[in-house]
Amino acid sequence: MTSATAAPAAVATAPRPASTPFAVTPLAVTAVGAVSAAGIGLDALGRAVAEGTAGHTDPSGLGEESLPPRPVRVVPDLPVAELIGRKGTRHLDRTTKLALVACRLTLDAHPGQTGERSGVVLGTSTGSIRSSSEFSLETLRQERPYLVNPSLFPNTVMNCAAGQIAIRHKLHGVNATIAGGHLSGVQALRYARNALRQGHADRILVGGVEEFCAQSAWGWHLSGSLAADAPVGEGAAMLMVEQEAEASAAGRPVLARVLACETGYSAPGRLADGLASVVTTALERCDRWPEQVGAVSYGATGLTGLQRIEERGVRTALGGRSPARRLAVKESVGECFSAAGILQIAALIGTWQHTTAPAGELALVTAVARDGNVGCAVVEAGHLG
C-alpha cells in the first residue's frame, strides 16, 4: 500500500445543480477501539493494513474442530480478564467477548466521561452463530423434556452483546442492534447519526462484531461466496461518535469525521450502478467532489462475483478514476462479514495515524451485498496527533 500523500488541492468545479440532496451533520469520531487478527488495539490494525501484513493465521487456540481447508485470520489472544475482569464472563460467547474488549479499548481511549446519556449501536449478522447453532442442536440431543442448559440461552439472542456493553458500562442512552450483514457498518452509522440528531443520546458507541467459528467457516466455504484464497476472519471495532460542536466544546480531539453515509438498493444486474449512485449522493451531501477522494476501502474484496462490481461502481462515481490509495483491510483481518464496515473505518483511521496522513484527506468506505443492498461512507481525516 502506498504511503499517505499531501491533501489534494482545491478543485475548480461548476456549482451543484439545484437538485443536490440536503446536507447532513457530520459525525465526529473521538475514540476508536479494535480487536482483530492483526492484534489488540487500533495501532496494531493500522500498522498491519499500512504494511500489508497478514494477521494471525492459526485457529488451533479456539478449540474448533473439523475446519474447512481454507486460510483464516483469528484474534490471537483475547485479554478478557485483563480488560473487563473475570466476573460474569464464564458463560459469555466469543461474539460478546470480542465486543466487550473493543468497547473497553474505545472507552479507555476516549478523553472524557461517557455519562448516562451514552448509547450503543452494534452491527451484526445474526449474533453468535455458534451459540445459536449449538443451542438448537442440544434441543435435539437431550432427553425429554429437552434439558438444555438455560444459562446458554442469552447468547443466542441477537442483541446480547449490545446489552452486555450497556449493562457493564451503565450506558442508558439508545441501545440498538443492526442486523445488516455487509451493510451493518454503514447502517449503524446512519442509525447513530439520526439518534444523535433527535437527542436520544449525547454520544454513541458504534460498532460491528463477528466471531470465527466452524459453523460460519463451513458456510463461507461451501457456499462458494468467497474466493479460494480469501481468508475467513473475525473481529470487532468500536467508534465513539458525537456531534463535532460538543466534542470541540469539551476540548476532545476529532480523529476523523464521517461526513456522510448512504445506503440503497439495486436491482439484479445493476449493483455497480447502484453503488455509483450512493457514492455520488454521499459526496453531494457533504459538498465534496470526486476529484478530492484520495483513498478507498472496499468491502467486497474476496467476495466471488462482487469485488469487480464494487470497483467498477466506485470508478463510475469518480469519473473513471480510482483513488490513489487502496486499503486492503481483508488481507490482514480476513472476511469479517458484519464487522467489516466498522473495521474498515477503524483501519482507515489507524492507517492515517501510522502514515501521518494530513488532516482533511478524504476517503470512501464501501459495501456491496448479494441481496442488492449497497452502501458508502465518506470519511475525512481529522486531528490525528
Protein backbone atom coordinates (compact mmCIF):
# COMPACT_ATOMS: atom_id res chain seq x y z
CA MET A 1 0.00 0.00 0.00
CA THR A 2 1.38 3.40 -0.83
CA SER A 3 2.06 5.91 1.90
CA ALA A 4 -0.08 8.97 2.51
CA THR A 5 0.43 11.93 0.22
CA ALA A 6 -0.37 15.59 0.51
CA ALA A 7 -4.01 16.61 0.62
CA PRO A 8 -5.44 17.28 -2.83
CA ALA A 9 -5.56 20.86 -3.98
CA ALA A 10 -8.87 22.64 -4.29
CA VAL A 11 -10.69 21.67 -7.46
CA ALA A 12 -12.41 24.32 -9.57
CA THR A 13 -15.82 22.98 -10.49
CA ALA A 14 -19.20 24.25 -11.54
CA PRO A 15 -21.89 24.80 -8.87
CA ARG A 16 -24.02 21.87 -7.80
CA PRO A 17 -27.39 21.55 -9.51
CA ALA A 18 -30.48 22.68 -7.64
CA SER A 19 -31.44 19.04 -7.03
CA THR A 20 -28.44 18.41 -4.76
CA PRO A 21 -29.50 16.23 -1.74
CA PHE A 22 -29.83 18.09 1.55
CA ALA A 23 -26.69 18.28 3.67
CA VAL A 24 -26.26 16.15 6.79
CA THR A 25 -24.44 16.85 10.04
CA PRO A 26 -21.03 15.14 10.20
CA LEU A 27 -20.24 12.67 12.96
CA ALA A 28 -17.07 13.36 14.93
CA VAL A 29 -15.07 10.24 15.83
CA THR A 30 -13.31 10.93 19.14
CA ALA A 31 -12.10 7.43 20.07
CA VAL A 32 -11.56 4.09 18.36
CA GLY A 33 -11.01 0.57 19.65
CA ALA A 34 -10.36 -2.55 17.62
CA VAL A 35 -9.59 -6.21 18.15
CA SER A 36 -8.72 -8.31 15.11
CA ALA A 37 -6.34 -10.88 13.71
CA ALA A 38 -3.82 -8.04 13.47
CA GLY A 39 -3.77 -7.81 17.26
CA ILE A 40 -5.33 -5.89 20.11
CA GLY A 41 -5.78 -2.17 19.59
CA LEU A 42 -6.03 0.38 16.81
CA ASP A 43 -2.27 0.72 16.39
CA ALA A 44 -1.86 -2.98 15.58
CA LEU A 45 -4.64 -2.82 13.00
CA GLY A 46 -3.34 0.36 11.37
CA ARG A 47 0.20 -0.97 11.15
CA ALA A 48 -0.85 -4.30 9.64
CA VAL A 49 -3.01 -2.67 6.96
CA ALA A 50 -0.46 0.03 6.16
CA GLU A 51 2.32 -2.54 5.78
CA GLY A 52 0.14 -5.15 4.07
CA THR A 53 0.90 -7.90 6.58
CA ALA A 54 -1.40 -10.82 7.35
CA GLY A 55 -2.88 -11.20 10.80
CA HIS A 56 -2.80 -14.30 13.00
CA THR A 57 -3.49 -17.42 10.92
CA ASP A 58 -3.58 -20.26 13.47
CA PRO A 59 -7.08 -21.14 14.76
CA SER A 60 -5.91 -24.02 16.99
CA GLY A 61 -6.27 -21.95 20.14
CA LEU A 62 -10.02 -21.60 19.60
CA GLY A 63 -10.68 -25.32 20.07
CA GLU A 64 -12.62 -25.60 16.82
CA GLU A 65 -12.79 -28.99 15.14
CA SER A 66 -13.14 -30.00 11.52
CA LEU A 67 -12.47 -26.66 9.86
CA PRO A 68 -12.62 -26.29 6.06
CA PRO A 69 -9.35 -26.28 4.12
CA ARG A 70 -9.00 -22.53 3.59
CA PRO A 71 -6.98 -19.64 5.10
CA VAL A 72 -8.23 -17.96 8.27
CA ARG A 73 -7.49 -14.82 10.30
CA VAL A 74 -8.29 -15.06 14.01
CA VAL A 75 -7.65 -12.96 17.10
CA PRO A 76 -4.51 -14.49 18.67
CA ASP A 77 -5.09 -13.75 22.38
CA LEU A 78 -8.24 -12.13 23.73
CA PRO A 79 -7.40 -10.37 27.04
CA VAL A 80 -10.87 -10.71 28.55
CA ALA A 81 -9.81 -10.98 32.19
CA GLU A 82 -7.26 -8.18 31.84
CA LEU A 83 -9.62 -5.68 30.24
CA ILE A 84 -13.09 -6.50 31.53
CA GLY A 85 -12.40 -8.76 34.52
CA ARG A 86 -13.49 -12.33 35.22
CA LYS A 87 -16.79 -11.62 36.95
CA GLY A 88 -19.79 -12.60 34.87
CA THR A 89 -17.80 -13.76 31.86
CA ARG A 90 -17.95 -17.52 32.32
CA HIS A 91 -20.96 -18.09 30.06
CA LEU A 92 -20.35 -15.27 27.57
CA ASP A 93 -19.86 -16.34 23.97
CA ARG A 94 -16.97 -15.19 21.79
CA THR A 95 -19.07 -12.59 19.98
CA THR A 96 -19.89 -10.81 23.24
CA LYS A 97 -16.31 -11.05 24.49
CA LEU A 98 -14.95 -9.54 21.28
CA ALA A 99 -17.45 -6.69 21.51
CA LEU A 100 -16.72 -6.03 25.19
CA VAL A 101 -12.97 -5.90 24.60
CA ALA A 102 -13.38 -3.49 21.67
CA CYS A 103 -15.71 -1.37 23.81
CA ARG A 104 -13.23 -1.25 26.70
CA LEU A 105 -10.42 -0.20 24.38
CA THR A 106 -12.59 2.60 22.98
CA LEU A 107 -13.65 3.88 26.38
CA ASP A 108 -10.05 3.83 27.57
CA ALA A 109 -9.06 5.91 24.54
CA HIS A 110 -11.91 8.39 24.98
CA PRO A 111 -10.67 11.62 26.62
CA GLY A 112 -13.69 12.14 28.84
CA GLN A 113 -16.52 10.55 30.78
CA THR A 114 -19.15 8.64 28.87
CA GLY A 115 -22.08 9.57 31.11
CA GLU A 116 -25.52 8.01 31.33
CA ARG A 117 -26.65 9.58 28.05
CA SER A 118 -24.19 7.50 26.06
CA GLY A 119 -25.63 4.82 23.80
CA VAL A 120 -24.65 1.75 21.76
CA VAL A 121 -25.42 0.80 18.16
CA LEU A 122 -23.91 -2.55 17.21
CA GLY A 123 -23.84 -4.14 13.76
CA THR A 124 -24.08 -7.91 13.47
CA SER A 125 -25.30 -10.68 11.19
CA THR A 126 -27.36 -12.90 13.49
CA GLY A 127 -25.48 -12.50 16.76
CA SER A 128 -23.40 -15.52 17.75
CA ILE A 129 -23.86 -18.12 15.01
CA ARG A 130 -22.07 -20.73 17.08
CA SER A 131 -24.26 -20.17 20.16
CA SER A 132 -27.49 -20.37 18.16
CA SER A 133 -26.35 -23.47 16.28
CA GLU A 134 -25.16 -25.36 19.35
CA PHE A 135 -28.18 -24.44 21.47
CA SER A 136 -30.53 -25.60 18.73
CA LEU A 137 -28.59 -28.84 18.35
CA GLU A 138 -28.83 -29.50 22.09
CA THR A 139 -32.63 -29.45 21.91
CA LEU A 140 -32.35 -32.45 19.59
CA ARG A 141 -29.66 -34.29 21.54
CA GLN A 142 -31.01 -34.10 25.08
CA GLU A 143 -33.65 -36.40 26.55
CA ARG A 144 -37.18 -35.17 27.09
CA PRO A 145 -38.14 -32.63 28.26
CA TYR A 146 -35.09 -31.33 26.40
CA LEU A 147 -32.88 -30.43 29.33
CA VAL A 148 -30.72 -27.79 27.69
CA ASN A 149 -28.62 -25.52 29.89
CA PRO A 150 -30.72 -22.33 30.34
CA SER A 151 -27.61 -20.23 31.06
CA LEU A 152 -26.60 -20.64 27.41
CA PHE A 153 -29.81 -19.19 26.03
CA PRO A 154 -28.95 -15.45 26.40
CA ASN A 155 -26.05 -15.90 23.99
CA THR A 156 -28.47 -16.92 21.25
CA VAL A 157 -30.25 -13.55 21.37
CA MET A 158 -29.08 -11.17 18.67
CA ASN A 159 -28.71 -8.14 20.95
CA CYS A 160 -26.83 -9.98 23.71
CA ALA A 161 -23.53 -8.17 23.06
CA ALA A 162 -25.07 -4.69 22.90
CA GLY A 163 -26.98 -5.38 26.12
CA GLN A 164 -23.86 -6.54 27.93
CA ILE A 165 -21.99 -3.41 26.86
CA ALA A 166 -24.73 -1.15 28.19
CA ILE A 167 -25.12 -3.05 31.46
CA ARG A 168 -21.41 -3.20 32.28
CA HIS A 169 -20.73 0.45 31.48
CA LYS A 170 -24.05 1.95 32.65
CA LEU A 171 -24.90 3.38 29.26
CA HIS A 172 -28.53 4.50 29.46
CA GLY A 173 -28.84 6.07 26.02
CA VAL A 174 -30.19 4.40 22.89
CA ASN A 175 -29.30 0.72 22.58
CA ALA A 176 -29.77 -0.96 19.21
CA THR A 177 -28.51 -3.94 17.23
CA ILE A 178 -28.47 -3.64 13.43
CA ALA A 179 -28.53 -6.94 11.52
CA GLY A 180 -27.41 -5.83 8.07
CA GLY A 181 -24.66 -8.25 7.10
CA HIS A 182 -22.08 -6.47 4.96
CA LEU A 183 -24.08 -3.23 5.22
CA SER A 184 -24.17 -3.29 9.04
CA GLY A 185 -21.41 -0.71 9.44
CA VAL A 186 -22.96 1.97 7.25
CA GLN A 187 -26.44 1.25 8.59
CA ALA A 188 -25.22 1.51 12.20
CA LEU A 189 -23.63 4.89 11.46
CA ARG A 190 -26.84 6.18 9.89
CA TYR A 191 -28.83 4.96 12.90
CA ALA A 192 -26.41 6.67 15.29
CA ARG A 193 -26.49 9.92 13.31
CA ASN A 194 -30.29 10.02 13.49
CA ALA A 195 -30.29 9.17 17.21
CA LEU A 196 -27.85 12.00 17.99
CA ARG A 197 -29.77 14.46 15.84
CA GLN A 198 -33.02 13.61 17.61
CA GLY A 199 -31.46 13.91 21.07
CA HIS A 200 -31.70 10.27 22.13
CA ALA A 201 -28.05 10.31 23.30
CA ASP A 202 -25.10 12.69 23.68
CA ARG A 203 -22.55 10.25 22.27
CA ILE A 204 -22.81 6.76 20.85
CA LEU A 205 -20.53 3.75 20.56
CA VAL A 206 -20.98 2.50 17.00
CA GLY A 207 -19.54 -0.95 16.40
CA GLY A 208 -19.51 -4.18 14.48
CA VAL A 209 -18.63 -7.68 15.66
CA GLU A 210 -18.22 -11.11 14.10
CA GLU A 211 -16.75 -14.25 15.67
CA PHE A 212 -14.85 -17.06 13.97
CA CYS A 213 -16.42 -20.49 14.37
CA ALA A 214 -16.63 -23.76 12.47
CA GLN A 215 -20.27 -23.15 11.52
CA SER A 216 -19.62 -19.85 9.74
CA ALA A 217 -16.31 -21.03 8.25
CA TRP A 218 -18.03 -24.02 6.63
CA GLY A 219 -20.86 -21.76 5.49
CA TRP A 220 -18.47 -19.48 3.66
CA HIS A 221 -16.55 -22.43 2.23
CA LEU A 222 -19.46 -24.49 0.95
CA SER A 223 -21.43 -21.55 -0.42
CA GLY A 224 -18.63 -20.55 -2.78
CA SER A 225 -19.19 -16.93 -1.77
CA LEU A 226 -15.50 -16.41 -1.03
CA ALA A 227 -12.61 -16.84 -3.42
CA ALA A 228 -10.49 -19.91 -2.65
CA ASP A 229 -7.60 -17.83 -1.32
CA ALA A 230 -9.76 -15.37 0.66
CA PRO A 231 -9.43 -15.94 4.42
CA VAL A 232 -12.34 -16.16 6.86
CA GLY A 233 -11.78 -13.80 9.76
CA GLU A 234 -13.21 -12.36 12.94
CA GLY A 235 -13.00 -9.16 14.90
CA ALA A 236 -14.75 -6.21 16.47
CA ALA A 237 -14.33 -2.45 16.27
CA MET A 238 -15.98 0.50 18.02
CA LEU A 239 -16.14 4.18 17.18
CA MET A 240 -17.14 6.80 19.74
CA VAL A 241 -19.16 9.31 17.72
CA GLU A 242 -20.71 12.60 18.76
CA GLN A 243 -21.64 15.99 17.40
CA GLU A 244 -18.49 17.90 16.48
CA ALA A 245 -19.67 21.02 18.32
CA GLU A 246 -19.97 19.01 21.53
CA ALA A 247 -16.52 17.48 21.10
CA SER A 248 -14.93 20.86 20.38
CA ALA A 249 -16.62 22.50 23.37
CA ALA A 250 -15.20 19.77 25.62
CA GLY A 251 -11.74 20.01 24.05
CA ARG A 252 -11.78 16.49 22.66
CA PRO A 253 -9.69 15.97 19.50
CA VAL A 254 -11.56 14.69 16.45
CA LEU A 255 -9.72 11.73 14.91
CA ALA A 256 -11.98 11.64 11.87
CA ARG A 257 -15.28 12.93 10.57
CA VAL A 258 -17.93 10.75 9.00
CA LEU A 259 -19.25 13.33 6.57
CA ALA A 260 -21.96 11.19 5.00
CA CYS A 261 -23.24 7.63 4.98
CA GLU A 262 -25.69 6.40 2.37
CA THR A 263 -27.40 3.10 1.64
CA GLY A 264 -29.54 1.97 -1.26
CA TYR A 265 -30.95 -1.00 -3.10
CA SER A 266 -30.16 -2.03 -6.65
CA ALA A 267 -31.98 -4.44 -8.92
CA PRO A 268 -30.16 -7.63 -10.00
CA GLY A 269 -27.52 -6.87 -12.58
CA ARG A 270 -27.34 -3.18 -11.60
CA LEU A 271 -25.18 -3.37 -8.47
CA ALA A 272 -22.35 -1.28 -9.92
CA ASP A 273 -24.80 1.46 -10.94
CA GLY A 274 -26.47 1.30 -7.54
CA LEU A 275 -23.18 1.72 -5.72
CA ALA A 276 -22.15 4.57 -8.03
CA SER A 277 -25.43 6.29 -7.20
CA VAL A 278 -24.99 6.12 -3.40
CA VAL A 279 -21.35 7.25 -3.65
CA THR A 280 -22.41 10.23 -5.75
CA THR A 281 -25.20 11.09 -3.33
CA ALA A 282 -22.89 10.79 -0.33
CA LEU A 283 -20.33 13.15 -1.89
CA GLU A 284 -23.03 15.65 -2.81
CA ARG A 285 -24.47 15.62 0.71
CA CYS A 286 -21.14 16.67 2.20
CA ASP A 287 -20.27 19.05 -0.64
CA ARG A 288 -17.21 17.13 -1.77
CA TRP A 289 -16.13 16.30 -5.31
CA PRO A 290 -14.90 13.02 -6.85
CA GLU A 291 -11.50 14.56 -7.55
CA GLN A 292 -10.96 15.10 -3.82
CA VAL A 293 -11.21 11.42 -2.87
CA GLY A 294 -7.70 10.18 -2.08
CA ALA A 295 -8.31 6.72 -0.63
CA VAL A 296 -10.85 3.90 -0.73
CA SER A 297 -11.53 0.87 1.44
CA TYR A 298 -13.51 -1.77 -0.45
CA GLY A 299 -15.85 -4.07 1.45
CA ALA A 300 -16.31 -6.78 -1.20
CA THR A 301 -12.65 -7.79 -1.54
CA GLY A 302 -12.51 -11.57 -1.94
CA LEU A 303 -16.25 -11.97 -2.47
CA THR A 304 -16.91 -14.06 -5.58
CA GLY A 305 -18.56 -12.00 -8.29
CA LEU A 306 -18.79 -8.83 -6.19
CA GLN A 307 -15.25 -7.49 -5.98
CA ARG A 308 -15.06 -6.26 -9.57
CA ILE A 309 -18.62 -4.92 -9.41
CA GLU A 310 -17.73 -2.81 -6.38
CA GLU A 311 -14.55 -1.49 -8.01
CA ARG A 312 -16.47 -0.62 -11.18
CA GLY A 313 -19.13 1.22 -9.20
CA VAL A 314 -16.52 3.37 -7.43
CA ARG A 315 -14.75 4.17 -10.71
CA THR A 316 -18.05 5.21 -12.27
CA ALA A 317 -18.85 7.54 -9.39
CA LEU A 318 -15.36 9.07 -9.51
CA GLY A 319 -15.46 9.82 -13.22
CA GLY A 320 -13.49 6.81 -14.40
CA ARG A 321 -10.62 7.08 -11.93
CA SER A 322 -9.60 5.05 -8.90
CA PRO A 323 -8.28 6.74 -5.73
CA ALA A 324 -4.52 6.85 -5.32
CA ARG A 325 -4.57 4.70 -2.19
CA ARG A 326 -6.42 1.44 -1.68
CA LEU A 327 -6.70 -0.10 1.78
CA ALA A 328 -6.50 -3.89 1.63
CA VAL A 329 -8.09 -4.45 5.05
CA LYS A 330 -9.22 -8.03 4.46
CA GLU A 331 -5.73 -9.20 3.61
CA SER A 332 -4.87 -8.51 7.26
CA VAL A 333 -8.10 -9.41 9.10
CA GLY A 334 -9.99 -11.71 6.71
CA GLU A 335 -13.66 -11.70 5.78
CA CYS A 336 -15.38 -10.34 8.90
CA PHE A 337 -18.90 -10.01 7.42
CA SER A 338 -20.98 -7.69 9.61
CA ALA A 339 -17.89 -6.33 11.43
CA ALA A 340 -16.19 -5.40 8.15
CA GLY A 341 -17.61 -1.88 7.74
CA ILE A 342 -16.53 -0.52 11.13
CA LEU A 343 -13.24 -2.40 10.89
CA GLN A 344 -12.66 -0.69 7.54
CA ILE A 345 -13.17 2.73 9.13
CA ALA A 346 -11.03 1.82 12.14
CA ALA A 347 -8.28 0.56 9.82
CA LEU A 348 -8.51 3.77 7.83
CA ILE A 349 -8.01 5.89 10.95
CA GLY A 350 -5.24 3.58 12.19
CA THR A 351 -3.50 3.80 8.81
CA TRP A 352 -3.78 7.59 8.82
CA GLN A 353 -2.07 7.63 12.20
CA HIS A 354 0.60 5.15 11.14
CA THR A 355 1.46 7.01 7.94
CA THR A 356 0.95 10.52 9.39
CA ALA A 357 -1.61 11.42 6.74
CA PRO A 358 -2.51 15.12 6.51
CA ALA A 359 -5.67 16.38 8.14
CA GLY A 360 -8.52 16.62 5.69
CA GLU A 361 -7.70 13.67 3.45
CA LEU A 362 -10.94 12.23 2.05
CA ALA A 363 -11.71 8.51 1.81
CA LEU A 364 -14.57 6.24 0.77
CA VAL A 365 -15.66 3.13 2.65
CA THR A 366 -17.94 0.98 0.51
CA ALA A 367 -20.04 -2.16 0.87
CA VAL A 368 -21.97 -4.36 -1.58
CA ALA A 369 -24.23 -7.33 -0.78
CA ARG A 370 -25.65 -10.09 -2.98
CA ASP A 371 -29.20 -9.19 -2.00
CA GLY A 372 -28.86 -5.86 -3.83
CA ASN A 373 -28.00 -3.62 -0.88
CA VAL A 374 -25.19 -1.10 -1.40
CA GLY A 375 -23.65 1.44 0.93
CA CYS A 376 -20.98 4.07 1.26
CA ALA A 377 -19.46 6.26 3.97
CA VAL A 378 -17.37 9.36 3.28
CA VAL A 379 -14.68 9.81 5.95
CA GLU A 380 -12.32 12.74 6.42
CA ALA A 381 -9.09 12.63 8.41
CA GLY A 382 -9.14 14.80 11.50
CA HIS A 383 -6.53 15.72 14.10
CA LEU A 384 -4.51 12.53 14.31
CA GLY A 385 -1.82 13.77 16.66
